[in-house]
Amino acid sequence: MSSSWAPEVLGLFTELAAIPSPPGEEREVADRVRGYLEGLGLDVSEDEAGARIGSNAGNLLCRLEPTSANGGLPIFLCAHLDTVQPTGPLEPVVENGVVRNAGGTILGADNKAAVAALLESARLILSENRPHAGIELIFTPKEEVGLQGAKAFDTDRLHARVGFVYDHAAPIGEVMLGAPYARQLEVTMRGRAAHAGIAPEEGRSAIAAAARAISDFRLGRLDDETTASVGLIEGGTARNIVPDRCTFSIDVRSHDETKLADLVQELLETITFAAALEQCEAETDVGESYRGYRFTRGDLPVRLACAALEREGFQPRLGLGGGGADANVFNERGRPCVNLANGMTAIHTPDEHIAVSDLERMVDVTLALADVARDEP
């Protein structure tokens, strides 16, 4: 039910949102999170992941030791500290019950709304002496650029085997049963440079080869499970030089791992064919962004999430996501983890916003998760 602590979680969120923390520069917000938790009398540890992944902050782990006399199920909760790169000032303002950024860039609700909800929940659990079966809070860096913090986190440090991430931009109540497998392709076309006006026939255009390949790709939403996109392209040195080099990046995703492998092979064959037609050479590198996962309605983390949402008056809505989150990494490591919607809207855009009521209600949901986990046999 709606609670009276909205000013506290709102203040936390707007304070955090005003701190720039693009991937790799999470230090200031990490220090604020750590200071807040230590102010509650909790111990916070930071691993060495930052140095390994190119960030000035590592993963933070804070453990609330169990207080329930009846056992129950320990859980972990995760949010990421970084945002996409802001392009203007960060000036959170509240207008008609909604938090927006007056600075003309992102707000950072992705994922600082989740950070604020976890911090406020920890405060309430301690101040109200709420019994629980053990709660671990994880805050990761560089999520927005490949889930790097979570990938560098040692899951053996966790006592809990079941967890929840609040990193889905949709109305509260949505529970992600699955997320796709994802690959990235980095492609370099190599041609031959020549003067574009004096001897163009001596050149071999790497840009033309790239353009031919891209025009033959199947892009966009290919079916209900599969997407493909060319997101970056760069090439050439001057207008009057036939370009001898062009690079581009492809993002491919599918909930079906076999479909994904087939699509990657199709793209590689298209690239090779286009390069040959333009008498260029193609270099390709295929990397795994993250592995997908799939739950059913009866699986433990889904069941707990639905029970917590129902306690707070939400009708759970089960679906599949199209993006990756730290949950992908935890599931791959054998720690079942569900991604929950937390009300953030228009993320990664200047129109990003979140309702104050959603900030508040995610605190309610967090406390309900702690309760249903405590009552788990």
Protein backbone atom coordinates (compact mmCIF):
# COMPACT_ATOMS: atom_id res chain seq x y z
CA MET A 1 0.00 0.00 0.00
CA SER A 2 1.10 3.60 -0.45
CA SER A 3 3.37 4.62 2.40
CA SER A 4 4.49 7.78 4.14
CA TRP A 5 8.17 7.64 3.21
CA ALA A 6 7.93 9.12 -0.29
CA PRO A 7 9.89 12.26 0.73
CA GLU A 8 12.80 10.08 1.90
CA VAL A 9 13.06 7.94 -1.23
CA LEU A 10 12.40 10.97 -3.42
CA GLY A 11 15.20 12.91 -1.75
CA LEU A 12 17.57 9.99 -2.14
CA PHE A 13 16.71 9.60 -5.79
CA THR A 14 17.04 13.26 -6.75
CA GLU A 15 20.35 13.49 -4.90
CA LEU A 16 21.72 10.46 -6.72
CA ALA A 17 20.29 11.52 -10.08
CA ALA A 18 22.11 14.86 -9.81
CA ILE A 19 25.48 13.06 -9.66
CA PRO A 20 26.94 12.27 -13.11
CA SER A 21 27.96 8.62 -13.31
CA PRO A 22 28.48 7.53 -16.90
CA PRO A 23 30.09 4.10 -17.35
CA GLY A 24 33.53 4.06 -15.79
CA GLU A 25 32.94 7.19 -13.68
CA GLU A 26 30.79 5.84 -10.87
CA ARG A 27 33.09 6.82 -7.98
CA GLU A 28 31.07 9.72 -6.60
CA VAL A 29 27.74 7.91 -6.61
CA ALA A 30 29.37 4.74 -5.24
CA ASP A 31 30.81 6.75 -2.36
CA ARG A 32 27.38 8.27 -1.67
CA VAL A 33 25.74 4.83 -1.62
CA ARG A 34 28.44 3.40 0.60
CA GLY A 35 28.27 6.34 2.99
CA TYR A 36 24.50 6.03 3.27
CA LEU A 37 24.64 2.33 4.12
CA GLU A 38 27.51 2.74 6.55
CA GLY A 39 25.47 5.52 8.19
CA LEU A 40 22.86 2.86 8.90
CA GLY A 41 25.52 0.81 10.68
CA LEU A 42 26.00 -1.66 7.84
CA ASP A 43 29.27 -2.98 6.46
CA VAL A 44 29.93 -2.40 2.77
CA SER A 45 32.68 -4.09 0.79
CA GLU A 46 33.99 -3.06 -2.60
CA ASP A 47 35.73 -5.53 -4.89
CA GLU A 48 38.60 -4.93 -7.32
CA ALA A 49 36.43 -5.08 -10.42
CA GLY A 50 36.90 -1.40 -11.21
CA ALA A 51 40.56 -1.80 -12.11
CA ARG A 52 39.77 -4.80 -14.32
CA ILE A 53 36.92 -3.24 -16.27
CA GLY A 54 38.15 0.34 -16.57
CA SER A 55 36.02 1.97 -13.90
CA ASN A 56 36.96 4.14 -10.94
CA ALA A 57 34.60 2.08 -8.75
CA GLY A 58 34.09 -1.61 -8.13
CA ASN A 59 31.01 -3.62 -7.17
CA LEU A 60 29.54 -2.79 -3.78
CA LEU A 61 28.13 -5.57 -1.60
CA CYS A 62 26.18 -4.97 1.61
CA ARG A 63 24.69 -7.74 3.71
CA LEU A 64 21.76 -7.45 6.12
CA GLU A 65 22.16 -10.47 8.35
CA PRO A 66 19.02 -12.59 8.87
CA THR A 67 16.82 -11.77 11.85
CA SER A 68 13.90 -14.14 11.27
CA ALA A 69 13.53 -16.83 13.90
CA ASN A 70 11.77 -19.13 11.43
CA GLY A 71 14.45 -19.41 8.76
CA GLY A 72 13.15 -18.46 5.35
CA LEU A 73 14.95 -17.77 2.08
CA PRO A 74 17.84 -15.28 1.81
CA ILE A 75 17.60 -13.05 -1.27
CA PHE A 76 19.86 -10.63 -3.11
CA LEU A 77 18.80 -7.37 -4.74
CA CYS A 78 20.81 -5.62 -7.44
CA ALA A 79 20.90 -2.20 -9.11
CA HIS A 80 23.54 -0.55 -11.25
CA LEU A 81 25.31 2.71 -10.46
CA ASP A 82 26.03 3.96 -13.97
CA THR A 83 23.82 5.72 -16.49
CA VAL A 84 24.19 6.30 -20.19
CA GLN A 85 26.32 9.34 -20.97
CA PRO A 86 24.44 12.57 -20.19
CA THR A 87 24.58 15.30 -22.83
CA GLY A 88 23.66 18.20 -20.56
CA PRO A 89 23.29 19.23 -16.91
CA LEU A 90 21.59 16.91 -14.43
CA GLU A 91 18.91 18.98 -12.72
CA PRO A 92 16.14 16.73 -11.33
CA VAL A 93 12.87 18.56 -10.71
CA VAL A 94 9.46 17.41 -9.51
CA GLU A 95 6.49 18.55 -11.59
CA ASN A 96 2.97 17.34 -10.84
CA GLY A 97 4.21 14.27 -9.03
CA VAL A 98 6.73 13.30 -11.71
CA VAL A 99 10.53 13.60 -11.58
CA ARG A 100 12.15 14.93 -14.76
CA ASN A 101 15.47 16.50 -15.68
CA ALA A 102 15.36 20.22 -16.40
CA GLY A 103 18.83 20.01 -17.95
CA GLY A 104 17.73 18.68 -21.33
CA THR A 105 19.33 15.25 -21.04
CA ILE A 106 18.68 11.91 -19.33
CA LEU A 107 17.28 11.78 -15.80
CA GLY A 108 19.13 8.66 -14.66
CA ALA A 109 16.09 6.82 -13.32
CA ASP A 110 17.81 3.96 -15.13
CA ASN A 111 18.96 2.77 -12.65
CA LYS A 112 19.18 5.22 -9.76
CA ALA A 113 15.47 4.82 -9.07
CA ALA A 114 16.29 1.23 -8.13
CA VAL A 115 19.33 2.29 -6.10
CA ALA A 116 17.19 4.72 -4.10
CA ALA A 117 14.49 2.09 -3.51
CA LEU A 118 17.03 -0.41 -2.17
CA LEU A 119 18.67 2.14 0.11
CA GLU A 120 15.37 3.34 1.57
CA SER A 121 14.21 -0.25 2.02
CA ALA A 122 17.36 -1.07 3.98
CA ARG A 123 16.75 1.92 6.23
CA LEU A 124 13.17 0.89 6.95
CA ILE A 125 14.03 -2.75 7.56
CA LEU A 126 16.55 -1.68 10.19
CA SER A 127 14.59 1.17 11.76
CA GLU A 128 11.40 -0.89 12.03
CA ASN A 129 13.22 -4.07 13.12
CA ARG A 130 11.46 -6.00 10.39
CA PRO A 131 12.32 -9.72 10.54
CA HIS A 132 13.85 -11.13 7.37
CA ALA A 133 15.79 -14.17 6.21
CA GLY A 134 18.85 -12.28 5.00
CA ILE A 135 19.18 -9.62 2.30
CA GLU A 136 22.22 -8.80 0.19
CA LEU A 137 22.44 -5.57 -1.78
CA ILE A 138 24.68 -5.40 -4.86
CA PHE A 139 25.48 -2.20 -6.75
CA THR A 140 27.37 -2.63 -10.01
CA PRO A 141 29.35 -0.30 -12.33
CA LYS A 142 29.43 -0.26 -16.15
CA GLU A 143 26.14 -2.08 -16.65
CA GLU A 144 25.20 0.13 -19.59
CA VAL A 145 28.20 -0.99 -21.65
CA GLY A 146 27.93 -4.75 -21.50
CA LEU A 147 27.01 -5.66 -17.90
CA GLN A 148 30.71 -5.44 -17.08
CA GLY A 149 30.44 -4.91 -13.34
CA ALA A 150 28.16 -7.91 -12.84
CA LYS A 151 30.39 -10.04 -15.07
CA ALA A 152 33.38 -9.14 -12.86
CA PHE A 153 31.49 -9.85 -9.60
CA ASP A 154 32.31 -13.06 -7.72
CA THR A 155 28.89 -14.64 -7.10
CA ASP A 156 30.47 -17.10 -4.68
CA ARG A 157 30.50 -14.21 -2.21
CA LEU A 158 26.71 -14.34 -2.03
CA HIS A 159 24.86 -16.30 0.63
CA ALA A 160 21.57 -15.93 -1.24
CA ARG A 161 20.82 -18.06 -4.29
CA VAL A 162 17.76 -16.17 -5.52
CA GLY A 163 17.69 -12.52 -6.52
CA PHE A 164 15.88 -9.61 -8.13
CA VAL A 165 16.93 -6.72 -10.35
CA TYR A 166 14.79 -3.60 -10.87
CA ASP A 167 15.86 -2.64 -14.37
CA HIS A 168 12.92 -2.86 -16.74
CA ALA A 169 11.32 0.33 -18.07
CA ALA A 170 7.63 -0.45 -17.75
CA PRO A 171 4.78 -0.01 -15.25
CA ILE A 172 5.27 -1.73 -11.91
CA GLY A 173 3.83 -5.23 -12.05
CA GLU A 174 5.68 -6.51 -15.10
CA VAL A 175 7.86 -9.53 -14.40
CA MET A 176 10.38 -10.56 -17.03
CA LEU A 177 10.24 -14.31 -17.55
CA GLY A 178 13.17 -14.13 -19.93
CA ALA A 179 15.74 -12.02 -21.72
CA PRO A 180 17.49 -12.66 -25.04
CA TYR A 181 20.88 -14.00 -25.91
CA ALA A 182 22.96 -11.27 -27.52
CA ARG A 183 26.02 -11.06 -29.76
CA GLN A 184 27.93 -8.14 -31.21
CA LEU A 185 29.80 -8.18 -34.50
CA GLU A 186 32.66 -5.77 -35.12
CA VAL A 187 33.39 -5.54 -38.84
CA THR A 188 36.28 -3.88 -40.67
CA MET A 189 36.22 -3.55 -44.44
CA ARG A 190 39.65 -2.95 -45.99
CA GLY A 191 39.96 -1.57 -49.51
CA ARG A 192 42.56 0.47 -51.37
CA ALA A 193 43.04 4.22 -51.16
CA ALA A 194 43.26 6.35 -54.31
CA HIS A 195 42.65 9.96 -55.36
CA ALA A 196 38.90 10.25 -55.92
CA GLY A 197 39.27 12.74 -58.79
CA ILE A 198 42.47 11.67 -60.52
CA ALA A 199 42.47 7.87 -60.30
CA PRO A 200 39.26 6.56 -58.70
CA GLU A 201 39.47 3.34 -60.72
CA GLU A 202 42.63 2.44 -58.82
CA GLY A 203 40.79 2.55 -55.51
CA ARG A 204 38.62 -0.01 -53.81
CA SER A 205 36.04 1.65 -51.56
CA ALA A 206 35.70 0.10 -48.13
CA ILE A 207 32.63 2.28 -47.54
CA ALA A 208 30.99 0.91 -50.68
CA ALA A 209 31.65 -2.63 -49.45
CA ALA A 210 30.16 -1.83 -46.05
CA ALA A 211 27.15 -0.15 -47.64
CA ARG A 212 26.53 -3.15 -49.89
CA ALA A 213 26.65 -5.51 -46.94
CA ILE A 214 24.40 -3.36 -44.74
CA SER A 215 21.84 -2.91 -47.51
CA ASP A 216 21.57 -6.70 -47.78
CA PHE A 217 21.21 -7.34 -44.04
CA ARG A 218 17.86 -8.22 -42.51
CA LEU A 219 17.53 -5.56 -39.81
CA GLY A 220 14.96 -4.51 -37.23
CA ARG A 221 12.51 -6.94 -35.64
CA LEU A 222 12.93 -10.13 -37.61
CA ASP A 223 10.35 -12.11 -35.61
CA ASP A 224 8.85 -12.15 -32.13
CA GLU A 225 12.14 -13.38 -30.67
CA THR A 226 14.87 -11.84 -32.81
CA THR A 227 16.26 -8.38 -33.62
CA ALA A 228 19.27 -6.99 -35.49
CA SER A 229 20.69 -3.49 -35.76
CA VAL A 230 23.72 -1.71 -37.21
CA GLY A 231 24.43 0.90 -34.58
CA LEU A 232 27.81 2.41 -35.47
CA ILE A 233 29.65 3.05 -38.74
CA GLU A 234 32.85 4.97 -39.40
CA GLY A 235 35.15 5.25 -42.39
CA GLY A 236 37.18 7.39 -44.76
CA THR A 237 39.82 10.04 -44.24
CA ALA A 238 38.85 12.80 -46.69
CA ARG A 239 36.21 13.58 -49.31
CA ASN A 240 38.67 13.29 -52.18
CA ILE A 241 40.18 9.94 -51.18
CA VAL A 242 38.65 6.57 -52.02
CA PRO A 243 38.30 5.13 -48.48
CA ASP A 244 40.49 2.16 -47.71
CA ARG A 245 38.90 1.39 -44.34
CA CYS A 246 35.38 1.30 -42.90
CA THR A 247 34.20 -0.18 -39.61
CA PHE A 248 30.72 -0.91 -38.35
CA SER A 249 29.09 -2.64 -35.39
CA ILE A 250 26.09 -4.96 -35.38
CA ASP A 251 23.88 -5.87 -32.42
CA VAL A 252 21.91 -9.12 -32.74
CA ARG A 253 19.58 -10.64 -30.15
CA SER A 254 17.21 -13.58 -29.91
CA HIS A 255 15.42 -15.54 -27.23
CA ASP A 256 16.27 -18.63 -29.29
CA GLU A 257 19.99 -19.43 -29.20
CA THR A 258 19.81 -21.47 -32.41
CA LYS A 259 18.12 -18.61 -34.26
CA LEU A 260 20.83 -16.29 -33.01
CA ALA A 261 23.61 -18.55 -34.27
CA ASP A 262 21.93 -18.86 -37.65
CA LEU A 263 21.52 -15.09 -37.93
CA VAL A 264 25.17 -14.47 -37.06
CA GLN A 265 26.23 -16.93 -39.76
CA GLU A 266 23.92 -15.23 -42.27
CA LEU A 267 25.46 -11.84 -41.48
CA LEU A 268 28.99 -13.18 -41.81
CA GLU A 269 28.23 -14.70 -45.20
CA THR A 270 26.65 -11.44 -46.37
CA ILE A 271 29.71 -9.48 -45.26
CA THR A 272 32.09 -11.83 -47.07
CA PHE A 273 30.04 -11.69 -50.27
CA ALA A 274 29.80 -7.89 -50.24
CA ALA A 275 33.53 -7.52 -49.65
CA ALA A 276 34.30 -9.80 -52.60
CA LEU A 277 31.99 -7.88 -54.93
CA GLU A 278 33.80 -4.62 -54.10
CA GLN A 279 37.24 -6.29 -54.21
CA CYS A 280 37.83 -5.57 -50.53
CA GLU A 281 38.73 -7.71 -47.56
CA ALA A 282 36.55 -8.19 -44.51
CA GLU A 283 37.70 -8.74 -40.94
CA THR A 284 35.05 -9.78 -38.42
CA ASP A 285 35.01 -10.34 -34.70
CA VAL A 286 32.00 -11.94 -33.02
CA GLY A 287 31.61 -11.46 -29.28
CA GLU A 288 29.03 -12.62 -26.75
CA SER A 289 27.32 -9.72 -25.05
CA TYR A 290 25.37 -11.90 -22.63
CA ARG A 291 23.46 -15.16 -22.41
CA GLY A 292 19.70 -15.31 -22.30
CA TYR A 293 17.46 -17.03 -19.77
CA ARG A 294 13.86 -18.20 -19.46
CA PHE A 295 11.65 -18.85 -16.42
CA THR A 296 8.17 -20.30 -16.01
CA ARG A 297 5.36 -18.95 -13.82
CA GLY A 298 6.04 -21.61 -11.20
CA ASP A 299 9.77 -21.00 -10.81
CA LEU A 300 10.78 -19.80 -7.35
CA PRO A 301 11.93 -16.22 -8.14
CA VAL A 302 8.89 -15.60 -10.35
CA ARG A 303 6.57 -17.00 -7.71
CA LEU A 304 8.10 -14.79 -5.02
CA ALA A 305 7.94 -11.70 -7.24
CA CYS A 306 4.30 -12.31 -8.08
CA ALA A 307 3.42 -12.87 -4.43
CA ALA A 308 5.14 -9.62 -3.40
CA LEU A 309 3.42 -7.64 -6.15
CA GLU A 310 0.03 -9.08 -5.25
CA ARG A 311 0.56 -8.12 -1.60
CA GLU A 312 0.98 -4.53 -2.76
CA GLY A 313 -2.11 -4.56 -4.93
CA PHE A 314 -0.47 -5.12 -8.32
CA GLN A 315 -1.67 -7.68 -10.84
CA PRO A 316 1.54 -9.37 -12.07
CA ARG A 317 2.02 -9.32 -15.82
CA LEU A 318 4.48 -11.87 -17.19
CA GLY A 319 6.44 -11.21 -20.36
CA LEU A 320 9.74 -11.39 -22.19
CA GLY A 321 12.24 -8.54 -22.36
CA GLY A 322 14.22 -7.38 -25.35
CA GLY A 323 17.24 -6.06 -23.51
CA GLY A 324 19.94 -7.33 -21.22
CA ALA A 325 20.39 -6.58 -17.53
CA ASP A 326 22.56 -7.76 -14.67
CA ALA A 327 19.97 -10.51 -14.22
CA ASN A 328 21.38 -12.19 -17.34
CA VAL A 329 24.75 -12.55 -15.65
CA PHE A 330 23.41 -13.88 -12.36
CA ASN A 331 21.28 -16.45 -14.16
CA GLU A 332 24.26 -17.58 -16.21
CA ARG A 333 26.20 -18.03 -12.95
CA GLY A 334 23.51 -20.26 -11.49
CA ARG A 335 21.82 -17.66 -9.28
CA PRO A 336 18.19 -17.44 -10.44
CA CYS A 337 17.39 -13.75 -10.79
CA VAL A 338 14.27 -12.03 -12.12
CA ASN A 339 14.12 -8.55 -13.62
CA LEU A 340 11.18 -6.44 -12.40
CA ALA A 341 9.70 -3.28 -13.90
CA ASN A 342 10.02 -0.24 -11.65
CA GLY A 343 8.06 2.46 -13.46
CA MET A 344 10.88 4.33 -15.19
CA THR A 345 9.83 5.72 -18.57
CA ALA A 346 11.54 6.91 -21.77
CA ILE A 347 14.95 5.84 -20.48
CA HIS A 348 18.09 6.97 -22.33
CA THR A 349 16.25 10.03 -23.68
CA PRO A 350 15.79 13.67 -22.59
CA ASP A 351 12.15 12.80 -21.78
CA GLU A 352 13.15 10.17 -19.20
CA HIS A 353 10.96 10.44 -16.12
CA ILE A 354 9.48 8.52 -13.19
CA ALA A 355 6.49 9.15 -10.96
CA VAL A 356 7.15 9.87 -7.30
CA SER A 357 4.48 7.29 -6.49
CA ASP A 358 6.45 4.64 -8.39
CA LEU A 359 9.59 5.41 -6.41
CA GLU A 360 7.52 4.94 -3.27
CA ARG A 361 5.75 1.80 -4.42
CA MET A 362 9.02 0.07 -5.31
CA VAL A 363 10.01 0.47 -1.68
CA ASP A 364 6.75 -1.28 -0.78
CA VAL A 365 7.50 -4.05 -3.28
CA THR A 366 11.01 -4.49 -1.86
CA LEU A 367 9.69 -4.83 1.67
CA ALA A 368 7.08 -7.29 0.43
CA LEU A 369 9.79 -9.35 -1.27
CA ALA A 370 11.65 -9.51 2.03
CA ASP A 371 8.44 -10.64 3.73
CA VAL A 372 7.51 -13.38 1.24
CA ALA A 373 11.12 -14.66 1.25
CA ARG A 374 11.05 -14.76 5.05
CA ASP A 375 7.87 -16.84 4.92
CA GLU A 376 9.25 -19.26 2.31
CA PRO A 377 9.58 -22.76 3.82
